[in-house]
Amino acid sequence: MSHTPGPWQYEYREDWDCPSSYEIWDKADRLVCRTHRTEEIARLIAAAPDLLEALQGLLNVVQRTPAAQ
């Protein structure tokens, strides 16, 4: 699986063409995406790399347990 590595951060933007939006940036200051939703949604999107890492770790643990085999 391929994705833009984290950490990601979000910034509030107010432009003439969009009264309010959030931009999500990676650690190399590249724009990952822009959303016109709420700050909570922007924070959730920015947390995606951390959430993916946590879920992959959990999957590894579950796959090693006898009950999963």
Protein backbone atom coordinates (compact mmCIF):
# COMPACT_ATOMS: atom_id res chain seq x y z
CA MET A 1 0.00 0.00 0.00
CA SER A 2 1.30 3.43 -0.90
CA HIS A 3 0.43 6.76 0.69
CA THR A 4 1.93 10.13 1.50
CA PRO A 5 3.96 9.63 4.68
CA GLY A 6 3.05 11.56 7.80
CA PRO A 7 2.97 13.48 9.87
CA TRP A 8 0.36 15.71 8.27
CA GLN A 9 -0.85 19.05 9.54
CA TYR A 10 -3.81 21.22 8.65
CA GLU A 11 -4.19 24.97 8.20
CA TYR A 12 -7.25 27.16 7.97
CA ARG A 13 -7.49 29.18 4.75
CA GLU A 14 -9.88 31.91 3.77
CA ASP A 15 -9.84 32.74 0.07
CA TRP A 16 -12.05 34.87 -2.11
CA ASP A 17 -13.27 31.82 -4.07
CA CYS A 18 -13.99 29.77 -0.95
CA PRO A 19 -14.99 31.51 2.27
CA SER A 20 -13.50 28.82 4.49
CA SER A 21 -11.40 25.78 3.83
CA TYR A 22 -8.65 23.71 5.38
CA GLU A 23 -5.51 22.54 3.65
CA ILE A 24 -3.69 19.41 4.75
CA TRP A 25 0.11 19.45 4.28
CA ASP A 26 2.73 16.72 4.64
CA LYS A 27 6.05 17.08 6.46
CA ALA A 28 7.77 18.26 3.26
CA ASP A 29 5.22 21.11 2.97
CA ARG A 30 3.44 19.50 0.02
CA LEU A 31 -0.32 19.95 -0.24
CA VAL A 32 -2.05 16.61 0.42
CA CYS A 33 -5.62 17.83 0.02
CA ARG A 34 -8.06 20.65 0.64
CA THR A 35 -11.43 20.30 2.33
CA HIS A 36 -14.32 22.71 2.70
CA ARG A 37 -15.65 20.87 5.74
CA THR A 38 -15.26 21.56 9.44
CA GLU A 39 -12.07 21.76 11.46
CA GLU A 40 -12.91 18.37 12.99
CA ILE A 41 -12.90 16.77 9.54
CA ALA A 42 -9.60 18.47 8.69
CA ARG A 43 -8.07 17.10 11.92
CA LEU A 44 -9.36 13.62 11.10
CA ILE A 45 -7.85 13.76 7.60
CA ALA A 46 -4.54 15.05 9.02
CA ALA A 47 -4.49 12.12 11.45
CA ALA A 48 -4.81 9.53 8.64
CA PRO A 49 -1.12 8.45 8.58
CA ASP A 50 -1.10 7.95 12.37
CA LEU A 51 -4.39 6.04 12.24
CA LEU A 52 -3.06 3.81 9.45
CA GLU A 53 0.09 3.04 11.46
CA ALA A 54 -1.96 2.19 14.55
CA LEU A 55 -4.30 -0.09 12.60
CA GLN A 56 -1.39 -1.87 10.91
CA GLY A 57 0.18 -2.49 14.32
CA LEU A 58 -3.11 -3.82 15.68
CA LEU A 59 -3.51 -6.08 12.65
CA ASN A 60 -0.04 -7.53 13.23
CA VAL A 61 -0.90 -8.33 16.85
CA VAL A 62 -4.25 -9.89 15.95
CA GLN A 63 -2.75 -12.04 13.20
CA ARG A 64 -0.18 -13.48 15.66
CA THR A 65 -2.72 -14.53 18.27
CA PRO A 66 -3.79 -18.20 18.32
CA ALA A 67 -7.49 -17.30 18.12
CA ALA A 68 -6.95 -15.57 14.76
CA GLN A 69 -5.32 -18.64 13.18
